[in-house]
Amino acid sequence: MSKKQKKVQNVVYSTNPNFSYEFEQEEAPDTLPVQQQRLYVSIDRKQRAGKEVTLVEGFVGAEEDLKELGKILKSKCGVGGSVKDNEILIQGNFKQKIFDLLINEGYSQTKQKG
């Protein structure tokens, strides 16, 4: 099997010469407008060797938009972080600063947890 061929599960065999298999394409969810996003900002220490990270959860939309928001927050705080599992992780305790930044960016339904 060559590298270019896709592995297809649930293969359908047909004797119809005009049959073509349609690959399922995952649709990227539409990103909600900034005013409708309901984001939650919290501090987390679990499974992080006691180090604090600021979590931003609740984003609804495309992965690229979430990464862009994470990039903005990381640069404004001047620290590292990552975006995974529909969460933005910012290294350090920046809960209030990130909350204020999100409100200024137009995320009016942002709430603080914990």
N, C-alpha and C. Protein backbone atom coordinates (compact mmCIF):
# COMPACT_ATOMS: atom_id res chain seq x y z
N MET A 1 0.86 -1.18 0.00
CA MET A 1 0.00 0.00 0.00
C MET A 1 0.89 1.23 0.00
N SER A 2 0.64 2.12 -0.92
CA SER A 2 1.47 3.32 -0.99
C SER A 2 1.07 4.32 0.08
N LYS A 3 1.96 5.26 0.37
CA LYS A 3 1.71 6.25 1.41
C LYS A 3 0.58 7.20 1.02
N LYS A 4 0.37 7.38 -0.28
CA LYS A 4 -0.63 8.34 -0.73
C LYS A 4 -2.06 7.83 -0.58
N GLN A 5 -2.23 6.51 -0.53
CA GLN A 5 -3.57 5.97 -0.41
C GLN A 5 -4.10 6.17 1.00
N LYS A 6 -5.36 6.53 1.07
CA LYS A 6 -5.98 6.72 2.37
C LYS A 6 -6.51 5.38 2.87
N LYS A 7 -6.39 5.16 4.15
CA LYS A 7 -6.98 3.97 4.74
C LYS A 7 -8.47 4.24 4.90
N VAL A 8 -9.26 3.39 4.31
CA VAL A 8 -10.70 3.59 4.33
C VAL A 8 -11.32 2.50 5.20
N GLN A 9 -12.09 2.92 6.18
CA GLN A 9 -12.83 1.97 6.98
C GLN A 9 -14.23 1.88 6.43
N ASN A 10 -14.89 0.81 6.74
CA ASN A 10 -16.25 0.58 6.25
C ASN A 10 -16.29 0.64 4.72
N VAL A 11 -15.44 -0.14 4.09
CA VAL A 11 -15.33 -0.15 2.64
C VAL A 11 -16.58 -0.78 2.04
N VAL A 12 -17.06 -0.17 0.99
CA VAL A 12 -18.22 -0.69 0.27
C VAL A 12 -17.75 -1.16 -1.09
N TYR A 13 -18.06 -2.41 -1.42
CA TYR A 13 -17.70 -2.95 -2.73
C TYR A 13 -18.96 -2.95 -3.59
N SER A 14 -18.83 -2.48 -4.81
CA SER A 14 -19.99 -2.38 -5.68
C SER A 14 -19.62 -2.88 -7.07
N THR A 15 -20.60 -3.47 -7.73
CA THR A 15 -20.40 -3.89 -9.12
C THR A 15 -20.81 -2.79 -10.08
N ASN A 16 -21.30 -1.69 -9.55
CA ASN A 16 -21.69 -0.55 -10.38
C ASN A 16 -20.44 0.16 -10.90
N PRO A 17 -20.26 0.27 -12.20
CA PRO A 17 -19.04 0.91 -12.72
C PRO A 17 -19.01 2.42 -12.45
N ASN A 18 -20.14 3.03 -12.14
CA ASN A 18 -20.19 4.47 -11.88
C ASN A 18 -20.12 4.80 -10.39
N PHE A 19 -19.92 3.79 -9.55
CA PHE A 19 -19.89 4.01 -8.10
C PHE A 19 -18.58 4.69 -7.71
N SER A 20 -18.68 5.69 -6.88
CA SER A 20 -17.47 6.31 -6.32
C SER A 20 -17.68 6.47 -4.83
N TYR A 21 -16.67 6.12 -4.07
CA TYR A 21 -16.75 6.19 -2.61
C TYR A 21 -16.61 7.64 -2.18
N GLU A 22 -17.48 8.08 -1.30
CA GLU A 22 -17.42 9.44 -0.80
C GLU A 22 -16.79 9.43 0.58
N PHE A 23 -15.69 10.15 0.71
CA PHE A 23 -15.02 10.24 2.00
C PHE A 23 -15.78 11.22 2.88
N GLU A 24 -15.89 10.86 4.16
CA GLU A 24 -16.55 11.76 5.09
C GLU A 24 -15.59 12.89 5.42
N GLN A 25 -16.08 14.09 5.30
CA GLN A 25 -15.26 15.24 5.63
C GLN A 25 -15.80 15.87 6.87
N GLU A 26 -14.92 16.08 7.82
CA GLU A 26 -15.33 16.70 9.06
C GLU A 26 -15.53 18.19 8.82
N GLU A 27 -16.68 18.66 9.20
CA GLU A 27 -16.95 20.08 9.04
C GLU A 27 -16.43 20.83 10.25
N ALA A 28 -15.71 21.89 10.01
CA ALA A 28 -15.23 22.72 11.11
C ALA A 28 -16.42 23.49 11.67
N PRO A 29 -16.58 23.48 12.97
CA PRO A 29 -17.71 24.21 13.54
C PRO A 29 -17.55 25.72 13.29
N ASP A 30 -18.68 26.36 13.04
CA ASP A 30 -18.64 27.80 12.84
C ASP A 30 -18.29 28.49 14.15
N THR A 31 -17.44 29.47 14.08
CA THR A 31 -17.04 30.21 15.26
C THR A 31 -18.13 31.20 15.62
N LEU A 32 -18.55 31.15 16.87
CA LEU A 32 -19.55 32.09 17.34
C LEU A 32 -18.97 33.50 17.35
N PRO A 33 -19.80 34.52 17.18
CA PRO A 33 -19.30 35.89 17.30
C PRO A 33 -18.73 36.14 18.69
N VAL A 34 -17.84 37.09 18.77
CA VAL A 34 -17.12 37.39 20.01
C VAL A 34 -18.09 37.67 21.16
N GLN A 35 -19.18 38.38 20.88
CA GLN A 35 -20.12 38.75 21.95
C GLN A 35 -20.89 37.55 22.48
N GLN A 36 -21.01 36.48 21.69
CA GLN A 36 -21.77 35.31 22.11
C GLN A 36 -20.91 34.23 22.76
N GLN A 37 -19.61 34.38 22.72
CA GLN A 37 -18.72 33.38 23.34
C GLN A 37 -18.86 33.45 24.85
N ARG A 38 -19.02 32.30 25.47
CA ARG A 38 -19.10 32.23 26.93
C ARG A 38 -17.84 31.53 27.42
N LEU A 39 -16.85 32.32 27.83
CA LEU A 39 -15.55 31.79 28.24
C LEU A 39 -15.45 31.79 29.75
N TYR A 40 -14.70 30.81 30.27
CA TYR A 40 -14.47 30.69 31.70
C TYR A 40 -12.97 30.71 31.95
N VAL A 41 -12.54 31.57 32.85
CA VAL A 41 -11.12 31.71 33.19
C VAL A 41 -10.93 31.16 34.59
N SER A 42 -9.94 30.26 34.75
CA SER A 42 -9.69 29.67 36.07
C SER A 42 -8.21 29.33 36.21
N ILE A 43 -7.81 29.03 37.44
CA ILE A 43 -6.45 28.61 37.75
C ILE A 43 -6.47 27.11 38.02
N ASP A 44 -5.45 26.40 37.52
CA ASP A 44 -5.39 24.96 37.71
C ASP A 44 -3.99 24.56 38.16
N ARG A 45 -3.91 23.65 39.12
CA ARG A 45 -2.63 23.13 39.60
C ARG A 45 -2.57 21.61 39.50
N LYS A 46 -3.64 20.98 39.11
CA LYS A 46 -3.72 19.52 39.11
C LYS A 46 -2.81 18.93 38.04
N GLN A 47 -2.08 17.90 38.41
CA GLN A 47 -1.19 17.16 37.52
C GLN A 47 -0.17 18.05 36.83
N ARG A 48 0.28 19.10 37.53
CA ARG A 48 1.25 20.02 36.95
C ARG A 48 2.41 20.27 37.90
N ALA A 49 2.66 19.34 38.79
CA ALA A 49 3.77 19.43 39.75
C ALA A 49 3.69 20.69 40.59
N GLY A 50 2.48 21.13 40.94
CA GLY A 50 2.30 22.29 41.79
C GLY A 50 2.39 23.62 41.09
N LYS A 51 2.70 23.62 39.79
CA LYS A 51 2.82 24.88 39.06
C LYS A 51 1.43 25.31 38.59
N GLU A 52 1.21 26.61 38.61
CA GLU A 52 -0.09 27.14 38.24
C GLU A 52 -0.16 27.44 36.74
N VAL A 53 -1.31 27.16 36.18
CA VAL A 53 -1.62 27.58 34.82
C VAL A 53 -2.99 28.23 34.83
N THR A 54 -3.17 29.17 33.94
CA THR A 54 -4.47 29.82 33.78
C THR A 54 -5.18 29.14 32.61
N LEU A 55 -6.38 28.65 32.86
CA LEU A 55 -7.17 27.96 31.84
C LEU A 55 -8.26 28.87 31.31
N VAL A 56 -8.43 28.86 29.99
CA VAL A 56 -9.55 29.54 29.36
C VAL A 56 -10.35 28.45 28.65
N GLU A 57 -11.58 28.23 29.10
CA GLU A 57 -12.42 27.15 28.57
C GLU A 57 -13.71 27.72 28.00
N GLY A 58 -14.38 26.89 27.19
CA GLY A 58 -15.70 27.24 26.71
C GLY A 58 -15.74 27.84 25.32
N PHE A 59 -14.63 27.90 24.60
CA PHE A 59 -14.61 28.49 23.26
C PHE A 59 -15.35 27.58 22.30
N VAL A 60 -16.24 28.15 21.49
CA VAL A 60 -16.97 27.39 20.48
C VAL A 60 -16.57 27.93 19.12
N GLY A 61 -15.93 27.06 18.33
CA GLY A 61 -15.53 27.50 17.00
C GLY A 61 -14.40 26.69 16.44
N ALA A 62 -13.81 27.20 15.38
CA ALA A 62 -12.74 26.53 14.66
C ALA A 62 -11.45 26.53 15.48
N GLU A 63 -10.67 25.51 15.28
CA GLU A 63 -9.40 25.35 15.99
C GLU A 63 -8.44 26.51 15.68
N GLU A 64 -8.46 27.01 14.44
CA GLU A 64 -7.57 28.11 14.07
C GLU A 64 -7.89 29.38 14.84
N ASP A 65 -9.19 29.63 15.05
CA ASP A 65 -9.60 30.82 15.80
C ASP A 65 -9.19 30.71 17.27
N LEU A 66 -9.29 29.50 17.81
CA LEU A 66 -8.87 29.27 19.20
C LEU A 66 -7.37 29.48 19.33
N LYS A 67 -6.60 28.98 18.38
CA LYS A 67 -5.15 29.17 18.41
C LYS A 67 -4.77 30.64 18.29
N GLU A 68 -5.51 31.38 17.48
CA GLU A 68 -5.24 32.80 17.33
C GLU A 68 -5.49 33.55 18.64
N LEU A 69 -6.60 33.21 19.32
CA LEU A 69 -6.89 33.82 20.62
C LEU A 69 -5.81 33.45 21.64
N GLY A 70 -5.37 32.19 21.63
CA GLY A 70 -4.30 31.77 22.53
C GLY A 70 -3.01 32.52 22.27
N LYS A 71 -2.70 32.76 21.01
CA LYS A 71 -1.49 33.49 20.65
C LYS A 71 -1.56 34.93 21.16
N ILE A 72 -2.73 35.55 21.04
CA ILE A 72 -2.90 36.92 21.53
C ILE A 72 -2.71 36.97 23.04
N LEU A 73 -3.34 36.04 23.76
CA LEU A 73 -3.24 36.04 25.22
C LEU A 73 -1.82 35.77 25.69
N LYS A 74 -1.13 34.84 25.04
CA LYS A 74 0.25 34.55 25.42
C LYS A 74 1.16 35.75 25.20
N SER A 75 0.98 36.43 24.09
CA SER A 75 1.85 37.57 23.81
C SER A 75 1.56 38.74 24.75
N LYS A 76 0.28 38.96 25.11
CA LYS A 76 -0.06 40.05 26.02
C LYS A 76 0.45 39.79 27.43
N CYS A 77 0.49 38.51 27.83
CA CYS A 77 0.99 38.17 29.17
C CYS A 77 2.51 37.98 29.18
N GLY A 78 3.10 37.79 28.02
CA GLY A 78 4.55 37.62 27.94
C GLY A 78 5.03 36.29 28.46
N VAL A 79 4.21 35.24 28.34
CA VAL A 79 4.57 33.92 28.82
C VAL A 79 4.23 32.88 27.76
N GLY A 80 4.58 31.65 28.04
CA GLY A 80 4.26 30.55 27.15
C GLY A 80 2.92 29.94 27.48
N GLY A 81 2.54 29.00 26.66
CA GLY A 81 1.28 28.31 26.87
C GLY A 81 1.00 27.40 25.70
N SER A 82 -0.19 26.82 25.69
CA SER A 82 -0.57 25.94 24.60
C SER A 82 -2.07 25.95 24.43
N VAL A 83 -2.49 25.38 23.29
CA VAL A 83 -3.91 25.24 23.00
C VAL A 83 -4.15 23.78 22.69
N LYS A 84 -4.96 23.12 23.51
CA LYS A 84 -5.31 21.73 23.25
C LYS A 84 -6.61 21.39 23.96
N ASP A 85 -7.32 20.43 23.41
CA ASP A 85 -8.59 19.96 23.97
C ASP A 85 -9.57 21.11 24.16
N ASN A 86 -9.63 22.03 23.23
CA ASN A 86 -10.51 23.20 23.29
C ASN A 86 -10.29 24.04 24.53
N GLU A 87 -9.06 24.08 25.02
CA GLU A 87 -8.68 24.91 26.17
C GLU A 87 -7.42 25.67 25.81
N ILE A 88 -7.31 26.85 26.37
CA ILE A 88 -6.08 27.63 26.26
C ILE A 88 -5.40 27.56 27.61
N LEU A 89 -4.14 27.10 27.63
CA LEU A 89 -3.36 27.01 28.86
C LEU A 89 -2.29 28.10 28.81
N ILE A 90 -2.29 28.98 29.80
CA ILE A 90 -1.29 30.03 29.90
C ILE A 90 -0.46 29.76 31.15
N GLN A 91 0.85 29.71 31.02
CA GLN A 91 1.70 29.39 32.16
C GLN A 91 1.69 30.53 33.16
N GLY A 92 1.40 30.20 34.41
CA GLY A 92 1.41 31.20 35.47
C GLY A 92 0.01 31.61 35.88
N ASN A 93 -0.04 32.42 36.93
CA ASN A 93 -1.31 32.89 37.47
C ASN A 93 -1.63 34.27 36.88
N PHE A 94 -2.38 34.29 35.79
CA PHE A 94 -2.77 35.52 35.11
C PHE A 94 -4.27 35.61 34.99
N LYS A 95 -4.98 35.09 35.98
CA LYS A 95 -6.43 35.01 35.91
C LYS A 95 -7.08 36.37 35.71
N GLN A 96 -6.74 37.35 36.53
CA GLN A 96 -7.36 38.66 36.44
C GLN A 96 -6.95 39.39 35.16
N LYS A 97 -5.68 39.28 34.80
CA LYS A 97 -5.19 39.96 33.60
C LYS A 97 -5.86 39.41 32.35
N ILE A 98 -5.98 38.08 32.26
CA ILE A 98 -6.62 37.47 31.10
C ILE A 98 -8.11 37.80 31.06
N PHE A 99 -8.74 37.82 32.23
CA PHE A 99 -10.15 38.20 32.30
C PHE A 99 -10.34 39.62 31.75
N ASP A 100 -9.50 40.54 32.18
CA ASP A 100 -9.59 41.92 31.71
C ASP A 100 -9.30 42.03 30.20
N LEU A 101 -8.31 41.27 29.72
CA LEU A 101 -7.98 41.27 28.29
C LEU A 101 -9.16 40.76 27.45
N LEU A 102 -9.80 39.69 27.92
CA LEU A 102 -10.92 39.13 27.17
C LEU A 102 -12.10 40.11 27.13
N ILE A 103 -12.36 40.79 28.25
CA ILE A 103 -13.43 41.79 28.27
C ILE A 103 -13.11 42.91 27.29
N ASN A 104 -11.86 43.37 27.27
CA ASN A 104 -11.46 44.44 26.36
C ASN A 104 -11.51 44.02 24.89
N GLU A 105 -11.31 42.71 24.63
CA GLU A 105 -11.37 42.19 23.26
C GLU A 105 -12.81 42.02 22.78
N GLY A 106 -13.79 42.16 23.69
CA GLY A 106 -15.18 42.05 23.29
C GLY A 106 -15.89 40.80 23.77
N TYR A 107 -15.19 39.93 24.49
CA TYR A 107 -15.79 38.71 25.02
C TYR A 107 -16.55 39.09 26.30
N SER A 108 -17.75 39.64 26.12
CA SER A 108 -18.48 40.23 27.25
C SER A 108 -19.08 39.21 28.20
N GLN A 109 -19.24 37.95 27.76
CA GLN A 109 -19.83 36.93 28.63
C GLN A 109 -18.77 36.11 29.35
N THR A 110 -17.58 36.62 29.50
CA THR A 110 -16.50 35.92 30.18
C THR A 110 -16.77 35.90 31.70
N LYS A 111 -16.51 34.76 32.30
CA LYS A 111 -16.71 34.60 33.74
C LYS A 111 -15.45 33.99 34.38
N GLN A 112 -15.26 34.27 35.66
CA GLN A 112 -14.15 33.69 36.41
C GLN A 112 -14.67 32.52 37.22
N LYS A 113 -13.96 31.39 37.17
CA LYS A 113 -14.32 30.21 37.95
C LYS A 113 -13.32 30.08 39.10
N GLY A 114 -13.82 29.59 40.21
CA GLY A 114 -12.97 29.24 41.34
C GLY A 114 -12.28 30.32 42.00
